[in-house]
C-alpha atoms as a PDB file:
ATOM      1  CA  GLU A   1     -15.797  13.805   4.820  1.00  0.00           C
ATOM      2  CA  ARG A   2     -19.109  12.088   4.005  1.00  0.00           C
ATOM      3  CA  SER A   3     -17.691  10.162   1.015  1.00  0.00           C
ATOM      4  CA  ARG A   4     -14.806   8.930   3.168  1.00  0.00           C
ATOM      5  CA  GLY A   5     -17.342   7.548   5.674  1.00  0.00           C
ATOM      6  CA  LEU A   6     -19.166   5.751   2.864  1.00  0.00           C
ATOM      7  CA  GLY A   7     -15.874   4.230   1.748  1.00  0.00           C
ATOM      8  CA  ASP A   8     -15.341   2.932   5.277  1.00  0.00           C
ATOM      9  CA  VAL A   9     -18.726   1.166   5.125  1.00  0.00           C
ATOM     10  CA  TYR A  10     -17.697  -0.597   1.918  1.00  0.00           C
ATOM     11  CA  LYS A  11     -14.426  -1.696   3.502  1.00  0.00           C
ATOM     12  CA  ARG A  12     -16.166  -3.429   6.398  1.00  0.00           C
ATOM     13  CA  GLN A  13     -15.625  -7.127   5.999  1.00  0.00           C
ATOM     14  CA  ASP A  14     -18.891  -8.059   7.727  1.00  0.00           C
ATOM     15  CA  TYR A  15     -21.293  -5.999   5.633  1.00  0.00           C
ATOM     16  CA  ALA A  16     -22.829  -8.304   3.008  1.00  0.00           C
ATOM     17  CA  GLU A  17     -24.970  -5.615   1.366  1.00  0.00           C
ATOM     18  CA  ALA A  18     -21.901  -3.442   0.767  1.00  0.00           C
ATOM     19  CA  HIS A  19     -20.084  -6.297  -0.995  1.00  0.00           C
ATOM     20  CA  ASN A  20     -23.199  -7.022  -3.060  1.00  0.00           C
ATOM     21  CA  ASN A  21     -23.498  -3.365  -4.085  1.00  0.00           C
ATOM     22  CA  LEU A  22     -19.795  -3.171  -4.892  1.00  0.00           C
ATOM     23  CA  GLY A  23     -20.194  -6.282  -7.050  1.00  0.00           C
ATOM     24  CA  ALA A  24     -23.049  -4.609  -8.926  1.00  0.00           C
ATOM     25  CA  THR A  25     -20.845  -1.555  -9.505  1.00  0.00           C
ATOM     26  CA  PHE A  26     -18.000  -3.673 -10.894  1.00  0.00           C
ATOM     27  CA  ARG A  27     -20.491  -5.441 -13.191  1.00  0.00           C
ATOM     28  CA  GLU A  28     -21.771  -2.125 -14.499  1.00  0.00           C
ATOM     29  CA  LEU A  29     -18.157  -1.100 -15.128  1.00  0.00           C
ATOM     30  CA  GLY A  30     -17.692  -4.204 -17.280  1.00  0.00           C
ATOM     31  CA  GLN A  31     -15.614  -6.107 -14.731  1.00  0.00           C
ATOM     32  CA  PRO A  32     -17.682  -9.226 -13.994  1.00  0.00           C
ATOM     33  CA  ASP A  33     -14.647 -11.113 -12.636  1.00  0.00           C
ATOM     34  CA  LYS A  34     -14.279  -8.532  -9.831  1.00  0.00           C
ATOM     35  CA  SER A  35     -18.015  -8.548  -9.223  1.00  0.00           C
ATOM     36  CA  VAL A  36     -17.934 -12.346  -8.759  1.00  0.00           C
ATOM     37  CA  ALA A  37     -15.338 -11.915  -5.986  1.00  0.00           C
ATOM     38  CA  CYS A  38     -17.544  -9.314  -4.284  1.00  0.00           C
ATOM     39  CA  TYR A  39     -20.629 -11.532  -4.454  1.00  0.00           C
ATOM     40  CA  HIS A  40     -18.658 -14.425  -2.980  1.00  0.00           C
ATOM     41  CA  LYS A  41     -17.626 -12.143  -0.094  1.00  0.00           C
ATOM     42  CA  ALA A  42     -21.237 -11.117   0.447  1.00  0.00           C
ATOM     43  CA  LEU A  43     -22.341 -14.760   0.476  1.00  0.00           C
ATOM     44  CA  ALA A  44     -19.539 -15.767   2.845  1.00  0.00           C
ATOM     45  CA  ILE A  45     -21.029 -13.273   5.302  1.00  0.00           C
ATOM     46  CA  LYS A  46     -24.694 -14.006   4.594  1.00  0.00           C
ATOM     47  CA  ALA A  47     -25.212 -17.380   2.873  1.00  0.00           C
ATOM     48  CA  ASP A  48     -28.982 -16.938   2.486  1.00  0.00           C
ATOM     49  CA  TYR A  49     -28.716 -13.625   0.613  1.00  0.00           C
ATOM     50  CA  ALA A  50     -30.954 -14.278  -2.410  1.00  0.00           C
ATOM     51  CA  GLU A  51     -30.095 -11.022  -4.199  1.00  0.00           C
ATOM     52  CA  ALA A  52     -26.360 -11.798  -4.035  1.00  0.00           C
ATOM     53  CA  HIS A  53     -26.958 -15.331  -5.372  1.00  0.00           C
ATOM     54  CA  ASN A  54     -28.950 -13.855  -8.276  1.00  0.00           C
ATOM     55  CA  ASN A  55     -26.322 -11.181  -8.955  1.00  0.00           C
ATOM     56  CA  LEU A  56     -23.583 -13.817  -8.821  1.00  0.00           C
ATOM     57  CA  GLY A  57     -25.522 -15.818 -11.409  1.00  0.00           C
ATOM     58  CA  VAL A  58     -25.739 -12.810 -13.723  1.00  0.00           C
ATOM     59  CA  ALA A  59     -21.984 -12.136 -13.446  1.00  0.00           C
ATOM     60  CA  LEU A  60     -21.122 -15.806 -13.975  1.00  0.00           C
ATOM     61  CA  GLN A  61     -23.375 -15.913 -17.012  1.00  0.00           C
ATOM     62  CA  GLU A  62     -21.584 -12.871 -18.442  1.00  0.00           C
ATOM     63  CA  LEU A  63     -18.308 -14.741 -17.967  1.00  0.00           C
ATOM     64  CA  GLY A  64     -19.690 -17.759 -19.830  1.00  0.00           C
ATOM     65  CA  ARG A  65     -19.778 -19.913 -16.682  1.00  0.00           C
ATOM     66  CA  ILE A  66     -23.371 -20.871 -17.307  1.00  0.00           C
ATOM     67  CA  GLU A  67     -23.594 -24.096 -15.295  1.00  0.00           C
ATOM     68  CA  GLU A  68     -22.361 -22.192 -12.226  1.00  0.00           C
ATOM     69  CA  ALA A  69     -24.844 -19.413 -13.011  1.00  0.00           C
ATOM     70  CA  GLU A  70     -27.645 -21.989 -13.110  1.00  0.00           C
ATOM     71  CA  GLN A  71     -26.695 -23.167  -9.610  1.00  0.00           C
ATOM     72  CA  SER A  72     -26.637 -19.581  -8.306  1.00  0.00           C
ATOM     73  CA  TYR A  73     -30.112 -18.905  -9.665  1.00  0.00           C
ATOM     74  CA  LYS A  74     -31.441 -22.168  -8.230  1.00  0.00           C
ATOM     75  CA  ARG A  75     -30.007 -21.273  -4.825  1.00  0.00           C
ATOM     76  CA  ALA A  76     -31.595 -17.805  -5.014  1.00  0.00           C
ATOM     77  CA  LEU A  77     -34.961 -19.439  -5.787  1.00  0.00           C
ATOM     78  CA  GLU A  78     -34.613 -21.804  -2.828  1.00  0.00           C
ATOM     79  CA  ILE A  79     -34.343 -18.711  -0.632  1.00  0.00           C
ATOM     80  CA  ASN A  80     -36.927 -16.577  -2.468  1.00  0.00           C
ATOM     81  CA  PRO A  81     -39.169 -18.688  -4.734  1.00  0.00           C
ATOM     82  CA  ASP A  82     -41.399 -15.692  -5.583  1.00  0.00           C
ATOM     83  CA  SER A  83     -38.776 -13.672  -7.439  1.00  0.00           C
ATOM     84  CA  THR A  84     -39.894 -13.153 -11.024  1.00  0.00           C
ATOM     85  CA  GLU A  85     -36.452 -11.782 -11.938  1.00  0.00           C
ATOM     86  CA  VAL A  86     -34.629 -14.886 -10.723  1.00  0.00           C
ATOM     87  CA  VAL A  87     -37.102 -17.250 -12.412  1.00  0.00           C
ATOM     88  CA  ILE A  88     -36.559 -15.418 -15.712  1.00  0.00           C
ATOM     89  CA  ASN A  89     -32.774 -15.460 -15.225  1.00  0.00           C
ATOM     90  CA  LEU A  90     -32.882 -19.216 -14.593  1.00  0.00           C
ATOM     91  CA  GLY A  91     -34.973 -19.769 -17.723  1.00  0.00           C
ATOM     92  CA  ASN A  92     -32.566 -17.737 -19.818  1.00  0.00           C
ATOM     93  CA  VAL A  93     -29.508 -19.586 -18.546  1.00  0.00           C
ATOM     94  CA  LEU A  94     -31.218 -22.921 -19.275  1.00  0.00           C
ATOM     95  CA  LEU A  95     -31.704 -21.783 -22.872  1.00  0.00           C
ATOM     96  CA  ASP A  96     -28.016 -20.768 -22.961  1.00  0.00           C
ATOM     97  CA  ILE A  97     -27.005 -24.219 -21.720  1.00  0.00           C
ATOM     98  CA  ALA A  98     -29.236 -25.869 -24.343  1.00  0.00           C
ATOM     99  CA  TYR A  99     -27.776 -23.662 -27.065  1.00  0.00           C
ATOM    100  CA  ASN A 100     -24.197 -24.435 -26.007  1.00  0.00           C
ATOM    101  CA  LEU A 101     -24.934 -28.145 -25.814  1.00  0.00           C
ATOM    102  CA  HIS A 102     -26.329 -28.055 -29.336  1.00  0.00           C
ATOM    103  CA  ARG A 103     -23.391 -25.959 -30.607  1.00  0.00           C
ATOM    104  CA  THR A 104     -20.753 -28.056 -28.833  1.00  0.00           C
ATOM    105  CA  ASP A 105     -22.224 -31.327 -30.008  1.00  0.00           C
ATOM    106  CA  GLY A 106     -23.453 -29.968 -33.328  1.00  0.00           C
ATOM    107  CA  GLN A 107     -21.276 -32.357 -35.332  1.00  0.00           C
ATOM    108  CA  ILE A 108     -22.874 -35.293 -33.546  1.00  0.00           C
ATOM    109  CA  LEU A 109     -26.357 -33.921 -34.183  1.00  0.00           C
ATOM    110  CA  SER A 110     -25.685 -32.971 -37.785  1.00  0.00           C
ATOM    111  CA  SER A 111     -24.262 -36.398 -38.565  1.00  0.00           C
ATOM    112  CA  VAL A 112     -27.268 -37.990 -36.826  1.00  0.00           C
ATOM    113  CA  ASN A 113     -25.103 -40.382 -34.874  1.00  0.00           C
ATOM    114  CA  GLY A 114     -27.611 -42.837 -33.427  1.00  0.00           C
ATOM    115  CA  ASP A 115     -28.218 -43.179 -29.688  1.00  0.00           C
ATOM    116  CA  LYS A 116     -25.755 -40.463 -28.694  1.00  0.00           C
ATOM    117  CA  SER A 117     -27.463 -37.949 -30.963  1.00  0.00           C
ATOM    118  CA  PHE A 118     -30.855 -38.873 -29.526  1.00  0.00           C
ATOM    119  CA  ALA A 119     -29.521 -38.543 -25.959  1.00  0.00           C
ATOM    120  CA  ILE A 120     -28.131 -35.080 -26.677  1.00  0.00           C
ATOM    121  CA  LEU A 121     -31.393 -34.053 -28.284  1.00  0.00           C
ATOM    122  CA  SER A 122     -33.308 -35.360 -25.253  1.00  0.00           C
ATOM    123  CA  LYS A 123     -31.107 -33.300 -22.932  1.00  0.00           C
ATOM    124  CA  ILE A 124     -31.584 -30.153 -25.035  1.00  0.00           C
ATOM    125  CA  SER A 125     -35.338 -30.757 -25.107  1.00  0.00           C
ATOM    126  CA  GLY A 126     -35.430 -31.159 -21.328  1.00  0.00           C
ATOM    127  CA  LEU A 127     -33.563 -27.885 -20.797  1.00  0.00           C
ATOM    128  CA  ARG A 128     -35.969 -26.092 -23.119  1.00  0.00           C
ATOM    129  CA  ASP A 129     -38.945 -27.596 -21.271  1.00  0.00           C
ATOM    130  CA  GLU A 130     -37.501 -26.304 -17.989  1.00  0.00           C
ATOM    131  CA  ALA A 131     -37.001 -22.842 -19.526  1.00  0.00           C
ATOM    132  CA  LEU A 132     -40.605 -22.786 -20.749  1.00  0.00           C
ATOM    133  CA  ALA A 133     -41.770 -23.841 -17.277  1.00  0.00           C
ATOM    134  CA  CYS A 134     -39.779 -20.904 -15.882  1.00  0.00           C
ATOM    135  CA  SER A 135     -41.572 -18.530 -18.257  1.00  0.00           C
ATOM    136  CA  ASP A 136     -44.941 -19.899 -17.112  1.00  0.00           C
ATOM    137  CA  GLN A 137     -43.924 -19.567 -13.456  1.00  0.00           C
ATOM    138  CA  ALA A 138     -42.746 -15.985 -14.008  1.00  0.00           C
ATOM    139  CA  LEU A 139     -46.017 -15.123 -15.757  1.00  0.00           C
ATOM    140  CA  SER A 140     -47.987 -16.553 -12.841  1.00  0.00           C
ATOM    141  CA  LEU A 141     -45.929 -14.415 -10.433  1.00  0.00           C
ATOM    142  CA  THR A 142     -46.100 -11.279 -12.593  1.00  0.00           C
ATOM    143  CA  PRO A 143     -48.798 -11.483 -15.283  1.00  0.00           C
ATOM    144  CA  GLY A 144     -47.779  -9.695 -18.470  1.00  0.00           C
ATOM    145  CA  SER A 145     -44.073  -9.617 -17.521  1.00  0.00           C
ATOM    146  CA  THR A 146     -42.121  -8.588 -20.620  1.00  0.00           C
ATOM    147  CA  GLY A 147     -39.119 -10.647 -19.524  1.00  0.00           C
ATOM    148  CA  ALA A 148     -41.253 -13.753 -19.057  1.00  0.00           C
ATOM    149  CA  LEU A 149     -42.970 -13.285 -22.427  1.00  0.00           C
ATOM    150  CA  THR A 150     -39.588 -12.801 -24.122  1.00  0.00           C
ATOM    151  CA  LEU A 151     -38.292 -15.976 -22.450  1.00  0.00           C
ATOM    152  CA  LYS A 152     -41.361 -17.931 -23.582  1.00  0.00           C
ATOM    153  CA  THR A 153     -40.972 -16.684 -27.159  1.00  0.00           C
ATOM    154  CA  ALA A 154     -37.264 -17.591 -27.206  1.00  0.00           C
ATOM    155  CA  GLY A 155     -37.995 -21.035 -25.791  1.00  0.00           C
ATOM    156  CA  LEU A 156     -40.715 -21.740 -28.345  1.00  0.00           C
ATOM    157  CA  LEU A 157     -38.572 -20.538 -31.246  1.00  0.00           C
ATOM    158  CA  ASP A 158     -35.695 -22.741 -30.102  1.00  0.00           C
ATOM    159  CA  LEU A 159     -38.083 -25.661 -29.688  1.00  0.00           C
ATOM    160  CA  ASN A 160     -39.253 -25.215 -33.280  1.00  0.00           C
ATOM    161  CA  ARG A 161     -35.631 -25.172 -34.522  1.00  0.00           C
ATOM    162  CA  LEU A 162     -34.935 -28.311 -32.510  1.00  0.00           C
ATOM    163  CA  CYS A 163     -37.823 -30.100 -34.202  1.00  0.00           C
ATOM    164  CA  LEU A 164     -36.356 -29.269 -37.595  1.00  0.00           C
ATOM    165  CA  LEU A 165     -32.989 -30.821 -36.665  1.00  0.00           C
ATOM    166  CA  TYR A 166     -34.169 -34.355 -36.340  1.00  0.00           C
ATOM    167  CA  THR A 167     -36.499 -35.412 -39.119  1.00  0.00           C
ATOM    168  CA  SER A 168     -36.801 -38.565 -41.192  1.00  0.00           C
ATOM    169  CA  ASP A 169     -39.413 -40.707 -42.865  1.00  0.00           C
ATOM    170  CA  ALA A 170     -38.033 -44.008 -41.490  1.00  0.00           C
ATOM    171  CA  ALA A 171     -38.758 -43.805 -37.786  1.00  0.00           C
ATOM    172  CA  ASP A 172     -39.458 -45.991 -34.817  1.00  0.00           C
ATOM    173  CA  GLU A 173     -42.574 -44.802 -32.930  1.00  0.00           C
ATOM    174  CA  GLY A 174     -41.324 -46.646 -29.836  1.00  0.00           C
ATOM    175  CA  LEU A 175     -38.400 -44.250 -29.484  1.00  0.00           C
ATOM    176  CA  ALA A 176     -40.198 -40.908 -29.527  1.00  0.00           C
ATOM    177  CA  LEU A 177     -39.353 -37.672 -27.783  1.00  0.00           C
ATOM    178  CA  ASP A 178     -42.225 -35.281 -27.074  1.00  0.00           C
ATOM    179  CA  LEU A 179     -41.527 -31.649 -27.938  1.00  0.00           C
ATOM    180  CA  GLY A 180     -44.694 -29.793 -27.158  1.00  0.00           C
ATOM    181  CA  ALA A 181     -47.091 -30.312 -30.045  1.00  0.00           C
ATOM    182  CA  ARG A 182     -44.430 -32.121 -32.096  1.00  0.00           C
ATOM    183  CA  ARG A 183     -42.702 -35.422 -31.614  1.00  0.00           C
ATOM    184  CA  ILE A 184     -39.169 -36.348 -32.499  1.00  0.00           C
ATOM    185  CA  ILE A 185     -38.872 -39.997 -33.331  1.00  0.00           C
ATOM    186  CA  LYS A 186     -35.639 -41.896 -33.360  1.00  0.00           C
ATOM    187  CA  LYS A 187     -34.847 -43.536 -36.669  1.00  0.00           C
ATOM    188  CA  LYS A 188     -34.809 -47.326 -36.774  1.00  0.00           C
ATOM    189  CA  ASN A 189     -31.337 -48.752 -36.531  1.00  0.00           C
ATOM    190  CA  GLU A 190     -30.415 -49.702 -40.084  1.00  0.00           C
ATOM    191  CA  GLY A 191     -26.903 -51.046 -39.788  1.00  0.00           C
ATOM    192  CA  GLY A 192     -25.107 -47.768 -39.063  1.00  0.00           C
ATOM    193  CA  GLY A 193     -27.409 -46.151 -36.523  1.00  0.00           C
ATOM    194  CA  GLY A 194     -28.843 -42.750 -37.087  1.00  0.00           C
ATOM    195  CA  GLY A 195     -31.829 -40.745 -36.046  1.00  0.00           C
ATOM    196  CA  GLY A 196     -34.868 -39.187 -37.479  1.00  0.00           C
ATOM    197  CA  GLY A 197     -38.222 -37.731 -36.679  1.00  0.00           C
ATOM    198  CA  ARG A 198     -41.353 -36.251 -38.038  1.00  0.00           C
END
C-alpha cells in the first residue's frame, strides 16, 4: 500500500523533485538517456532548480554531450554560485572539452599548421585556464576539497602536456601565448607557416 502511494508521487507531472530523483535513479542504473528526459521534465516544472541542472550536466557528460553539459553546469551556478560540487563539475567538463578539442584537431596540432594550430592551442589553453579558475573557486568555497584538488592537479598536468606540444627554437616573441609560468610562442612564418614555442 505504502509503495503504491510512493509510485503515485513519482507519477505526478507537477513534482519536479520526483522527476529529479527518478533521473538520479536511472543514472545509477546506467541509463543516462532516460535520466536526461527526467531532468528535462523536472526543469520544465521548475526552471530554477539548480540540482536538476547539475544532474542534467552529469548525465549529458556521461553521454558525451559535453558542450551541453557545460551549459547545464553554468546555469546551475547562475542559480547557486556557492555550490562546490557544480564548480568542480564545470571545471572537469572544461578539461573534457579541451581534451576533445586537442584529440579532434590533433592532426592540425601535430603538423603544426600555422595560424589555425595556434588558434586551437589558444582555445585549449583558455579552457584549461577556466578549469583551473574553477578549482581555485571550489577551494575557496570548501578549503581542502579533494575534488577541487584533483581538478587542479589534472588541469596543471594537462597544461604541462600542452606546453610540450608546441616548442621550437625559431619563434616570434610578438605572438606569445601565456600558459601559467610557461609561454608558448608562435613560430615565425617561414614560407609554409608553422608554429613553435619555448
